[in-house]
Amino acid sequence: MTDPAILDRLAATIEARKSADPSASYVARLLHEGEDKILRKIAEEAVEILLASKDGDKQHIARETADLWFHCLVLLAHHGLGPDDVLNELLRREGTSGIDEKALRKMG
């Protein structure tokens, strides 16, 4: 089984790169360019997953999903969040139907 701690290690690397030179670090450059740049990258990666899915190439889908997850981790770091925040939310939703969970969000 793959080590799930990879998300924590990747988040720690992203956090460490926040203060790096934007000319030497892709993460630092994304964070320096701001939220709009990060959001554009997420949108781009989401489209690439859609195209990979339509092609049916499982390896391509996995690679593009990795790119999307990476950029989502950068966005989380931009907002002072990390993988645990998302995992805790998934844990909170566990055992609740999607229909019920969506209705609860509308009420709250």
PDB file of N, CA and C in Angstrom:
ATOM      1  N   MET A   1       0.828  -1.184   0.000  1.00  0.00           N
ATOM      2  CA  MET A   1       0.000   0.000   0.000  1.00  0.00           C
ATOM      3  C   MET A   1       0.875   1.251   0.000  1.00  0.00           C
ATOM      4  N   THR A   2       0.423   2.251  -0.673  1.00  0.00           N
ATOM      5  CA  THR A   2       1.133   3.513  -0.733  1.00  0.00           C
ATOM      6  C   THR A   2       1.059   4.219   0.614  1.00  0.00           C
ATOM      7  N   ASP A   3       2.101   4.932   0.958  1.00  0.00           N
ATOM      8  CA  ASP A   3       2.196   5.638   2.231  1.00  0.00           C
ATOM      9  C   ASP A   3       1.317   6.891   2.206  1.00  0.00           C
ATOM     10  N   PRO A   4       0.216   6.914   2.991  1.00  0.00           N
ATOM     11  CA  PRO A   4      -0.660   8.096   2.984  1.00  0.00           C
ATOM     12  C   PRO A   4       0.008   9.340   3.560  1.00  0.00           C
ATOM     13  N   ALA A   5       1.121   9.175   4.260  1.00  0.00           N
ATOM     14  CA  ALA A   5       1.827  10.325   4.822  1.00  0.00           C
ATOM     15  C   ALA A   5       2.471  11.186   3.734  1.00  0.00           C
ATOM     16  N   ILE A   6       2.437  10.723   2.493  1.00  0.00           N
ATOM     17  CA  ILE A   6       2.986  11.519   1.394  1.00  0.00           C
ATOM     18  C   ILE A   6       2.319  12.882   1.337  1.00  0.00           C
ATOM     19  N   LEU A   7       1.026  12.957   1.641  1.00  0.00           N
ATOM     20  CA  LEU A   7       0.340  14.255   1.622  1.00  0.00           C
ATOM     21  C   LEU A   7       0.919  15.193   2.674  1.00  0.00           C
ATOM     22  N   ASP A   8       1.216  14.663   3.855  1.00  0.00           N
ATOM     23  CA  ASP A   8       1.806  15.488   4.909  1.00  0.00           C
ATOM     24  C   ASP A   8       3.210  15.941   4.522  1.00  0.00           C
ATOM     25  N   ARG A   9       3.991  15.033   3.932  1.00  0.00           N
ATOM     26  CA  ARG A   9       5.345  15.402   3.516  1.00  0.00           C
ATOM     27  C   ARG A   9       5.305  16.453   2.413  1.00  0.00           C
ATOM     28  N   LEU A  10       4.401  16.276   1.474  1.00  0.00           N
ATOM     29  CA  LEU A  10       4.273  17.242   0.391  1.00  0.00           C
ATOM     30  C   LEU A  10       3.817  18.598   0.930  1.00  0.00           C
ATOM     31  N   ALA A  11       2.857  18.583   1.854  1.00  0.00           N
ATOM     32  CA  ALA A  11       2.392  19.838   2.467  1.00  0.00           C
ATOM     33  C   ALA A  11       3.533  20.531   3.216  1.00  0.00           C
ATOM     34  N   ALA A  12       4.372  19.759   3.888  1.00  0.00           N
ATOM     35  CA  ALA A  12       5.513  20.339   4.602  1.00  0.00           C
ATOM     36  C   ALA A  12       6.508  20.960   3.619  1.00  0.00           C
ATOM     37  N   THR A  13       6.719  20.305   2.505  1.00  0.00           N
ATOM     38  CA  THR A  13       7.608  20.856   1.478  1.00  0.00           C
ATOM     39  C   THR A  13       7.038  22.161   0.929  1.00  0.00           C
ATOM     40  N   ILE A  14       5.739  22.172   0.645  1.00  0.00           N
ATOM     41  CA  ILE A  14       5.088  23.389   0.147  1.00  0.00           C
ATOM     42  C   ILE A  14       5.229  24.502   1.169  1.00  0.00           C
ATOM     43  N   GLU A  15       4.996  24.190   2.432  1.00  0.00           N
ATOM     44  CA  GLU A  15       5.114  25.187   3.503  1.00  0.00           C
ATOM     45  C   GLU A  15       6.539  25.748   3.551  1.00  0.00           C
ATOM     46  N   ALA A  16       7.515  24.877   3.428  1.00  0.00           N
ATOM     47  CA  ALA A  16       8.914  25.311   3.468  1.00  0.00           C
ATOM     48  C   ALA A  16       9.268  26.194   2.277  1.00  0.00           C
ATOM     49  N   ARG A  17       8.622  25.969   1.169  1.00  0.00           N
ATOM     50  CA  ARG A  17       8.926  26.737  -0.045  1.00  0.00           C
ATOM     51  C   ARG A  17       8.238  28.097  -0.079  1.00  0.00           C
ATOM     52  N   LYS A  18       7.334  28.351   0.862  1.00  0.00           N
ATOM     53  CA  LYS A  18       6.651  29.652   0.895  1.00  0.00           C
ATOM     54  C   LYS A  18       7.646  30.809   0.931  1.00  0.00           C
ATOM     55  N   SER A  19       8.746  30.610   1.635  1.00  0.00           N
ATOM     56  CA  SER A  19       9.723  31.685   1.794  1.00  0.00           C
ATOM     57  C   SER A  19      10.882  31.580   0.807  1.00  0.00           C
ATOM     58  N   ALA A  20      10.792  30.649  -0.130  1.00  0.00           N
ATOM     59  CA  ALA A  20      11.867  30.466  -1.104  1.00  0.00           C
ATOM     60  C   ALA A  20      11.827  31.558  -2.166  1.00  0.00           C
ATOM     61  N   ASP A  21      12.890  31.637  -2.912  1.00  0.00           N
ATOM     62  CA  ASP A  21      13.002  32.588  -4.013  1.00  0.00           C
ATOM     63  C   ASP A  21      12.086  32.135  -5.151  1.00  0.00           C
ATOM     64  N   PRO A  22      11.143  32.985  -5.568  1.00  0.00           N
ATOM     65  CA  PRO A  22      10.226  32.611  -6.646  1.00  0.00           C
ATOM     66  C   PRO A  22      10.914  32.250  -7.964  1.00  0.00           C
ATOM     67  N   SER A  23      12.138  32.722  -8.154  1.00  0.00           N
ATOM     68  CA  SER A  23      12.853  32.364  -9.383  1.00  0.00           C
ATOM     69  C   SER A  23      13.479  30.972  -9.289  1.00  0.00           C
ATOM     70  N   ALA A  24      13.516  30.417  -8.079  1.00  0.00           N
ATOM     71  CA  ALA A  24      14.143  29.111  -7.877  1.00  0.00           C
ATOM     72  C   ALA A  24      13.156  28.024  -7.465  1.00  0.00           C
ATOM     73  N   SER A  25      11.901  28.392  -7.167  1.00  0.00           N
ATOM     74  CA  SER A  25      10.920  27.430  -6.675  1.00  0.00           C
ATOM     75  C   SER A  25       9.577  27.657  -7.353  1.00  0.00           C
ATOM     76  N   TYR A  26       9.069  26.605  -7.957  1.00  0.00           N
ATOM     77  CA  TYR A  26       7.756  26.685  -8.608  1.00  0.00           C
ATOM     78  C   TYR A  26       6.668  27.030  -7.595  1.00  0.00           C
ATOM     79  N   VAL A  27       6.713  26.409  -6.422  1.00  0.00           N
ATOM     80  CA  VAL A  27       5.714  26.675  -5.380  1.00  0.00           C
ATOM     81  C   VAL A  27       5.803  28.131  -4.934  1.00  0.00           C
ATOM     82  N   ALA A  28       7.008  28.607  -4.680  1.00  0.00           N
ATOM     83  CA  ALA A  28       7.174  30.002  -4.265  1.00  0.00           C
ATOM     84  C   ALA A  28       6.653  30.941  -5.344  1.00  0.00           C
ATOM     85  N   ARG A  29       6.897  30.615  -6.610  1.00  0.00           N
ATOM     86  CA  ARG A  29       6.412  31.458  -7.710  1.00  0.00           C
ATOM     87  C   ARG A  29       4.885  31.490  -7.730  1.00  0.00           C
ATOM     88  N   LEU A  30       4.258  30.311  -7.607  1.00  0.00           N
ATOM     89  CA  LEU A  30       2.791  30.271  -7.577  1.00  0.00           C
ATOM     90  C   LEU A  30       2.239  31.110  -6.432  1.00  0.00           C
ATOM     91  N   LEU A  31       2.794  30.933  -5.252  1.00  0.00           N
ATOM     92  CA  LEU A  31       2.319  31.669  -4.090  1.00  0.00           C
ATOM     93  C   LEU A  31       2.588  33.165  -4.241  1.00  0.00           C
ATOM     94  N   HIS A  32       3.720  33.507  -4.815  1.00  0.00           N
ATOM     95  CA  HIS A  32       4.064  34.909  -5.039  1.00  0.00           C
ATOM     96  C   HIS A  32       3.111  35.558  -6.047  1.00  0.00           C
ATOM     97  N   GLU A  33       2.722  34.804  -7.071  1.00  0.00           N
ATOM     98  CA  GLU A  33       1.829  35.343  -8.103  1.00  0.00           C
ATOM     99  C   GLU A  33       0.386  35.454  -7.614  1.00  0.00           C
ATOM    100  N   GLY A  34       0.067  34.771  -6.527  1.00  0.00           N
ATOM    101  CA  GLY A  34      -1.217  34.957  -5.876  1.00  0.00           C
ATOM    102  C   GLY A  34      -2.286  33.928  -6.194  1.00  0.00           C
ATOM    103  N   GLU A  35      -3.395  34.127  -5.522  1.00  0.00           N
ATOM    104  CA  GLU A  35      -4.489  33.165  -5.584  1.00  0.00           C
ATOM    105  C   GLU A  35      -5.025  32.957  -7.000  1.00  0.00           C
ATOM    106  N   ASP A  36      -5.156  34.028  -7.777  1.00  0.00           N
ATOM    107  CA  ASP A  36      -5.698  33.870  -9.133  1.00  0.00           C
ATOM    108  C   ASP A  36      -4.853  32.922  -9.970  1.00  0.00           C
ATOM    109  N   LYS A  37      -3.528  33.011  -9.844  1.00  0.00           N
ATOM    110  CA  LYS A  37      -2.630  32.113 -10.584  1.00  0.00           C
ATOM    111  C   LYS A  37      -2.836  30.663 -10.126  1.00  0.00           C
ATOM    112  N   ILE A  38      -2.946  30.472  -8.829  1.00  0.00           N
ATOM    113  CA  ILE A  38      -3.155  29.125  -8.286  1.00  0.00           C
ATOM    114  C   ILE A  38      -4.492  28.570  -8.787  1.00  0.00           C
ATOM    115  N   LEU A  39      -5.521  29.395  -8.764  1.00  0.00           N
ATOM    116  CA  LEU A  39      -6.840  28.952  -9.222  1.00  0.00           C
ATOM    117  C   LEU A  39      -6.829  28.601 -10.704  1.00  0.00           C
ATOM    118  N   ARG A  40      -6.104  29.381 -11.498  1.00  0.00           N
ATOM    119  CA  ARG A  40      -5.993  29.055 -12.935  1.00  0.00           C
ATOM    120  C   ARG A  40      -5.305  27.706 -13.134  1.00  0.00           C
ATOM    121  N   LYS A  41      -4.277  27.427 -12.342  1.00  0.00           N
ATOM    122  CA  LYS A  41      -3.593  26.137 -12.441  1.00  0.00           C
ATOM    123  C   LYS A  41      -4.525  24.996 -12.055  1.00  0.00           C
ATOM    124  N   ILE A  42      -5.330  25.190 -11.019  1.00  0.00           N
ATOM    125  CA  ILE A  42      -6.281  24.156 -10.615  1.00  0.00           C
ATOM    126  C   ILE A  42      -7.292  23.908 -11.725  1.00  0.00           C
ATOM    127  N   ALA A  43      -7.799  24.974 -12.319  1.00  0.00           N
ATOM    128  CA  ALA A  43      -8.752  24.826 -13.423  1.00  0.00           C
ATOM    129  C   ALA A  43      -8.109  24.096 -14.602  1.00  0.00           C
ATOM    130  N   GLU A  44      -6.879  24.461 -14.916  1.00  0.00           N
ATOM    131  CA  GLU A  44      -6.150  23.811 -16.008  1.00  0.00           C
ATOM    132  C   GLU A  44      -5.983  22.313 -15.745  1.00  0.00           C
ATOM    133  N   GLU A  45      -5.585  21.977 -14.530  1.00  0.00           N
ATOM    134  CA  GLU A  45      -5.385  20.558 -14.191  1.00  0.00           C
ATOM    135  C   GLU A  45      -6.701  19.793 -14.213  1.00  0.00           C
ATOM    136  N   ALA A  46      -7.787  20.425 -13.774  1.00  0.00           N
ATOM    137  CA  ALA A  46      -9.097  19.760 -13.797  1.00  0.00           C
ATOM    138  C   ALA A  46      -9.504  19.444 -15.232  1.00  0.00           C
ATOM    139  N   VAL A  47      -9.274  20.374 -16.140  1.00  0.00           N
ATOM    140  CA  VAL A  47      -9.582  20.129 -17.554  1.00  0.00           C
ATOM    141  C   VAL A  47      -8.719  18.990 -18.085  1.00  0.00           C
ATOM    142  N   GLU A  48      -7.460  18.955 -17.710  1.00  0.00           N
ATOM    143  CA  GLU A  48      -6.571  17.890 -18.180  1.00  0.00           C
ATOM    144  C   GLU A  48      -7.018  16.521 -17.680  1.00  0.00           C
ATOM    145  N   ILE A  49      -7.581  16.468 -16.463  1.00  0.00           N
ATOM    146  CA  ILE A  49      -8.137  15.199 -15.962  1.00  0.00           C
ATOM    147  C   ILE A  49      -9.332  14.790 -16.812  1.00  0.00           C
ATOM    148  N   LEU A  50     -10.191  15.735 -17.132  1.00  0.00           N
ATOM    149  CA  LEU A  50     -11.352  15.422 -17.970  1.00  0.00           C
ATOM    150  C   LEU A  50     -10.913  14.847 -19.311  1.00  0.00           C
ATOM    151  N   LEU A  51      -9.927  15.462 -19.918  1.00  0.00           N
ATOM    152  CA  LEU A  51      -9.446  14.983 -21.214  1.00  0.00           C
ATOM    153  C   LEU A  51      -8.797  13.603 -21.089  1.00  0.00           C
ATOM    154  N   ALA A  52      -8.025  13.405 -20.029  1.00  0.00           N
ATOM    155  CA  ALA A  52      -7.396  12.097 -19.807  1.00  0.00           C
ATOM    156  C   ALA A  52      -8.458  11.025 -19.591  1.00  0.00           C
ATOM    157  N   SER A  53      -9.499  11.373 -18.865  1.00  0.00           N
ATOM    158  CA  SER A  53     -10.583  10.425 -18.626  1.00  0.00           C
ATOM    159  C   SER A  53     -11.274  10.046 -19.933  1.00  0.00           C
ATOM    160  N   LYS A  54     -11.517  11.027 -20.762  1.00  0.00           N
ATOM    161  CA  LYS A  54     -12.157  10.755 -22.057  1.00  0.00           C
ATOM    162  C   LYS A  54     -11.284   9.839 -22.915  1.00  0.00           C
ATOM    163  N   ASP A  55      -9.961   9.953 -22.769  1.00  0.00           N
ATOM    164  CA  ASP A  55      -9.036   9.081 -23.505  1.00  0.00           C
ATOM    165  C   ASP A  55      -8.988   7.681 -22.908  1.00  0.00           C
ATOM    166  N   GLY A  56      -9.380   7.556 -21.628  1.00  0.00           N
ATOM    167  CA  GLY A  56      -9.396   6.254 -20.974  1.00  0.00           C
ATOM    168  C   GLY A  56      -8.032   5.736 -20.555  1.00  0.00           C
ATOM    169  N   ASP A  57      -7.030   6.594 -20.547  1.00  0.00           N
ATOM    170  CA  ASP A  57      -5.669   6.190 -20.190  1.00  0.00           C
ATOM    171  C   ASP A  57      -5.501   6.323 -18.674  1.00  0.00           C
ATOM    172  N   LYS A  58      -5.493   5.200 -17.975  1.00  0.00           N
ATOM    173  CA  LYS A  58      -5.463   5.210 -16.507  1.00  0.00           C
ATOM    174  C   LYS A  58      -4.218   5.897 -15.944  1.00  0.00           C
ATOM    175  N   GLN A  59      -3.068   5.657 -16.545  1.00  0.00           N
ATOM    176  CA  GLN A  59      -1.834   6.298 -16.073  1.00  0.00           C
ATOM    177  C   GLN A  59      -1.911   7.806 -16.252  1.00  0.00           C
ATOM    178  N   HIS A  60      -2.449   8.243 -17.380  1.00  0.00           N
ATOM    179  CA  HIS A  60      -2.593   9.678 -17.633  1.00  0.00           C
ATOM    180  C   HIS A  60      -3.560  10.294 -16.622  1.00  0.00           C
ATOM    181  N   ILE A  61      -4.648   9.599 -16.333  1.00  0.00           N
ATOM    182  CA  ILE A  61      -5.606  10.079 -15.330  1.00  0.00           C
ATOM    183  C   ILE A  61      -4.913  10.224 -13.976  1.00  0.00           C
ATOM    184  N   ALA A  62      -4.131   9.224 -13.582  1.00  0.00           N
ATOM    185  CA  ALA A  62      -3.428   9.265 -12.293  1.00  0.00           C
ATOM    186  C   ALA A  62      -2.440  10.427 -12.256  1.00  0.00           C
ATOM    187  N   ARG A  63      -1.694  10.639 -13.350  1.00  0.00           N
ATOM    188  CA  ARG A  63      -0.726  11.743 -13.386  1.00  0.00           C
ATOM    189  C   ARG A  63      -1.426  13.098 -13.277  1.00  0.00           C
ATOM    190  N   GLU A  64      -2.508  13.254 -14.013  1.00  0.00           N
ATOM    191  CA  GLU A  64      -3.222  14.543 -13.974  1.00  0.00           C
ATOM    192  C   GLU A  64      -3.900  14.763 -12.620  1.00  0.00           C
ATOM    193  N   THR A  65      -4.369  13.695 -12.005  1.00  0.00           N
ATOM    194  CA  THR A  65      -4.949  13.820 -10.665  1.00  0.00           C
ATOM    195  C   THR A  65      -3.875  14.230  -9.666  1.00  0.00           C
ATOM    196  N   ALA A  66      -2.685  13.654  -9.806  1.00  0.00           N
ATOM    197  CA  ALA A  66      -1.570  14.052  -8.935  1.00  0.00           C
ATOM    198  C   ALA A  66      -1.279  15.541  -9.103  1.00  0.00           C
ATOM    199  N   ASP A  67      -1.293  16.025 -10.346  1.00  0.00           N
ATOM    200  CA  ASP A  67      -1.080  17.459 -10.586  1.00  0.00           C
ATOM    201  C   ASP A  67      -2.167  18.296  -9.923  1.00  0.00           C
ATOM    202  N   LEU A  68      -3.407  17.856 -10.027  1.00  0.00           N
ATOM    203  CA  LEU A  68      -4.516  18.595  -9.413  1.00  0.00           C
ATOM    204  C   LEU A  68      -4.379  18.604  -7.893  1.00  0.00           C
ATOM    205  N   TRP A  69      -4.117  17.447  -7.320  1.00  0.00           N
ATOM    206  CA  TRP A  69      -3.967  17.377  -5.865  1.00  0.00           C
ATOM    207  C   TRP A  69      -2.835  18.283  -5.404  1.00  0.00           C
ATOM    208  N   PHE A  70      -1.716  18.270  -6.134  1.00  0.00           N
ATOM    209  CA  PHE A  70      -0.575  19.118  -5.782  1.00  0.00           C
ATOM    210  C   PHE A  70      -1.000  20.586  -5.751  1.00  0.00           C
ATOM    211  N   HIS A  71      -1.659  21.024  -6.804  1.00  0.00           N
ATOM    212  CA  HIS A  71      -2.061  22.428  -6.868  1.00  0.00           C
ATOM    213  C   HIS A  71      -3.123  22.762  -5.815  1.00  0.00           C
ATOM    214  N   CYS A  72      -3.964  21.795  -5.473  1.00  0.00           N
ATOM    215  CA  CYS A  72      -4.918  22.001  -4.379  1.00  0.00           C
ATOM    216  C   CYS A  72      -4.179  22.153  -3.050  1.00  0.00           C
ATOM    217  N   LEU A  73      -3.103  21.401  -2.862  1.00  0.00           N
ATOM    218  CA  LEU A  73      -2.299  21.548  -1.647  1.00  0.00           C
ATOM    219  C   LEU A  73      -1.653  22.929  -1.582  1.00  0.00           C
ATOM    220  N   VAL A  74      -1.232  23.446  -2.736  1.00  0.00           N
ATOM    221  CA  VAL A  74      -0.681  24.806  -2.775  1.00  0.00           C
ATOM    222  C   VAL A  74      -1.764  25.810  -2.381  1.00  0.00           C
ATOM    223  N   LEU A  75      -2.972  25.628  -2.896  1.00  0.00           N
ATOM    224  CA  LEU A  75      -4.082  26.517  -2.539  1.00  0.00           C
ATOM    225  C   LEU A  75      -4.396  26.436  -1.050  1.00  0.00           C
ATOM    226  N   LEU A  76      -4.414  25.219  -0.517  1.00  0.00           N
ATOM    227  CA  LEU A  76      -4.643  25.067   0.921  1.00  0.00           C
ATOM    228  C   LEU A  76      -3.587  25.831   1.714  1.00  0.00           C
ATOM    229  N   ALA A  77      -2.322  25.683   1.317  1.00  0.00           N
ATOM    230  CA  ALA A  77      -1.235  26.382   2.013  1.00  0.00           C
ATOM    231  C   ALA A  77      -1.410  27.895   1.905  1.00  0.00           C
ATOM    232  N   HIS A  78      -1.856  28.355   0.768  1.00  0.00           N
ATOM    233  CA  HIS A  78      -2.114  29.785   0.570  1.00  0.00           C
ATOM    234  C   HIS A  78      -3.105  30.300   1.620  1.00  0.00           C
ATOM    235  N   HIS A  79      -4.048  29.450   2.002  1.00  0.00           N
ATOM    236  CA  HIS A  79      -5.074  29.831   2.973  1.00  0.00           C
ATOM    237  C   HIS A  79      -4.749  29.375   4.397  1.00  0.00           C
ATOM    238  N   GLY A  80      -3.522  28.874   4.610  1.00  0.00           N
ATOM    239  CA  GLY A  80      -3.134  28.433   5.946  1.00  0.00           C
ATOM    240  C   GLY A  80      -3.767  27.113   6.349  1.00  0.00           C
ATOM    241  N   LEU A  81      -4.133  26.320   5.366  1.00  0.00           N
ATOM    242  CA  LEU A  81      -4.741  25.016   5.613  1.00  0.00           C
ATOM    243  C   LEU A  81      -3.804  23.919   5.134  1.00  0.00           C
ATOM    244  N   GLY A  82      -4.136  22.672   5.467  1.00  0.00           N
ATOM    245  CA  GLY A  82      -3.332  21.541   5.028  1.00  0.00           C
ATOM    246  C   GLY A  82      -4.187  20.309   4.826  1.00  0.00           C
ATOM    247  N   PRO A  83      -3.553  19.204   4.497  1.00  0.00           N
ATOM    248  CA  PRO A  83      -4.282  17.966   4.238  1.00  0.00           C
ATOM    249  C   PRO A  83      -5.184  17.542   5.392  1.00  0.00           C
ATOM    250  N   ASP A  84      -4.741  17.749   6.626  1.00  0.00           N
ATOM    251  CA  ASP A  84      -5.563  17.337   7.768  1.00  0.00           C
ATOM    252  C   ASP A  84      -6.915  18.053   7.794  1.00  0.00           C
ATOM    253  N   ASP A  85      -6.942  19.292   7.344  1.00  0.00           N
ATOM    254  CA  ASP A  85      -8.211  20.017   7.315  1.00  0.00           C
ATOM    255  C   ASP A  85      -9.205  19.340   6.373  1.00  0.00           C
ATOM    256  N   VAL A  86      -8.708  18.886   5.231  1.00  0.00           N
ATOM    257  CA  VAL A  86      -9.570  18.199   4.253  1.00  0.00           C
ATOM    258  C   VAL A  86      -9.928  16.806   4.770  1.00  0.00           C
ATOM    259  N   LEU A  87      -8.940  16.099   5.304  1.00  0.00           N
ATOM    260  CA  LEU A  87      -9.202  14.753   5.812  1.00  0.00           C
ATOM    261  C   LEU A  87     -10.191  14.777   6.973  1.00  0.00           C
ATOM    262  N   ASN A  88     -10.080  15.781   7.834  1.00  0.00           N
ATOM    263  CA  ASN A  88     -11.047  15.906   8.931  1.00  0.00           C
ATOM    264  C   ASN A  88     -12.455  16.168   8.409  1.00  0.00           C
ATOM    265  N   GLU A  89     -12.556  16.946   7.348  1.00  0.00           N
ATOM    266  CA  GLU A  89     -13.871  17.196   6.754  1.00  0.00           C
ATOM    267  C   GLU A  89     -14.439  15.909   6.145  1.00  0.00           C
ATOM    268  N   LEU A  90     -13.588  15.133   5.483  1.00  0.00           N
ATOM    269  CA  LEU A  90     -14.044  13.848   4.934  1.00  0.00           C
ATOM    270  C   LEU A  90     -14.471  12.908   6.051  1.00  0.00           C
ATOM    271  N   LEU A  91     -13.712  12.902   7.135  1.00  0.00           N
ATOM    272  CA  LEU A  91     -14.064  12.078   8.291  1.00  0.00           C
ATOM    273  C   LEU A  91     -15.412  12.505   8.872  1.00  0.00           C
ATOM    274  N   ARG A  92     -15.638  13.812   8.934  1.00  0.00           N
ATOM    275  CA  ARG A  92     -16.911  14.324   9.451  1.00  0.00           C
ATOM    276  C   ARG A  92     -18.068  13.845   8.585  1.00  0.00           C
ATOM    277  N   ARG A  93     -17.843  13.759   7.292  1.00  0.00           N
ATOM    278  CA  ARG A  93     -18.904  13.368   6.361  1.00  0.00           C
ATOM    279  C   ARG A  93     -19.088  11.857   6.257  1.00  0.00           C
ATOM    280  N   GLU A  94     -18.104  11.108   6.717  1.00  0.00           N
ATOM    281  CA  GLU A  94     -18.152   9.649   6.574  1.00  0.00           C
ATOM    282  C   GLU A  94     -19.434   9.090   7.185  1.00  0.00           C
ATOM    283  N   GLY A  95     -20.097   8.235   6.448  1.00  0.00           N
ATOM    284  CA  GLY A  95     -21.312   7.603   6.921  1.00  0.00           C
ATOM    285  C   GLY A  95     -22.566   8.431   6.681  1.00  0.00           C
ATOM    286  N   THR A  96     -22.406   9.608   6.103  1.00  0.00           N
ATOM    287  CA  THR A  96     -23.551  10.462   5.777  1.00  0.00           C
ATOM    288  C   THR A  96     -23.750  10.419   4.275  1.00  0.00           C
ATOM    289  N   SER A  97     -24.969  10.219   3.850  1.00  0.00           N
ATOM    290  CA  SER A  97     -25.196  10.176   2.398  1.00  0.00           C
ATOM    291  C   SER A  97     -24.887  11.536   1.802  1.00  0.00           C
ATOM    292  N   GLY A  98     -24.471  11.540   0.561  1.00  0.00           N
ATOM    293  CA  GLY A  98     -24.175  12.780  -0.128  1.00  0.00           C
ATOM    294  C   GLY A  98     -25.373  13.698  -0.191  1.00  0.00           C
ATOM    295  N   ILE A  99     -26.544  13.131  -0.357  1.00  0.00           N
ATOM    296  CA  ILE A  99     -27.772  13.929  -0.417  1.00  0.00           C
ATOM    297  C   ILE A  99     -28.021  14.601   0.932  1.00  0.00           C
ATOM    298  N   ASP A 100     -27.883  13.833   2.018  1.00  0.00           N
ATOM    299  CA  ASP A 100     -28.096  14.398   3.353  1.00  0.00           C
ATOM    300  C   ASP A 100     -27.034  15.442   3.683  1.00  0.00           C
ATOM    301  N   GLU A 101     -25.787  15.165   3.336  1.00  0.00           N
ATOM    302  CA  GLU A 101     -24.698  16.086   3.645  1.00  0.00           C
ATOM    303  C   GLU A 101     -24.904  17.411   2.914  1.00  0.00           C
ATOM    304  N   LYS A 102     -25.312  17.351   1.667  1.00  0.00           N
ATOM    305  CA  LYS A 102     -25.540  18.570   0.893  1.00  0.00           C
ATOM    306  C   LYS A 102     -26.708  19.370   1.505  1.00  0.00           C
ATOM    307  N   ALA A 103     -27.752  18.704   1.936  1.00  0.00           N
ATOM    308  CA  ALA A 103     -28.885  19.379   2.569  1.00  0.00           C
ATOM    309  C   ALA A 103     -28.448  20.049   3.870  1.00  0.00           C
ATOM    310  N   LEU A 104     -27.575  19.391   4.633  1.00  0.00           N
ATOM    311  CA  LEU A 104     -27.095  19.967   5.888  1.00  0.00           C
ATOM    312  C   LEU A 104     -26.281  21.243   5.632  1.00  0.00           C
ATOM    313  N   ARG A 105     -25.506  21.254   4.537  1.00  0.00           N
ATOM    314  CA  ARG A 105     -24.723  22.464   4.202  1.00  0.00           C
ATOM    315  C   ARG A 105     -25.633  23.630   3.873  1.00  0.00           C
ATOM    316  N   LYS A 106     -26.743  23.361   3.208  1.00  0.00           N
ATOM    317  CA  LYS A 106     -27.688  24.429   2.851  1.00  0.00           C
ATOM    318  C   LYS A 106     -28.348  25.004   4.085  1.00  0.00           C
ATOM    319  N   MET A 107     -28.573  24.153   5.092  1.00  0.00           N
ATOM    320  CA  MET A 107     -29.247  24.593   6.317  1.00  0.00           C
ATOM    321  C   MET A 107     -28.302  25.391   7.197  1.00  0.00           C
ATOM    322  N   GLY A 108     -27.001  25.068   7.144  1.00  0.00           N
ATOM    323  CA  GLY A 108     -26.035  25.698   8.034  1.00  0.00           C
ATOM    324  C   GLY A 108     -25.495  26.900   7.468  1.00  0.00           C
TER     325      GLY A 108
END
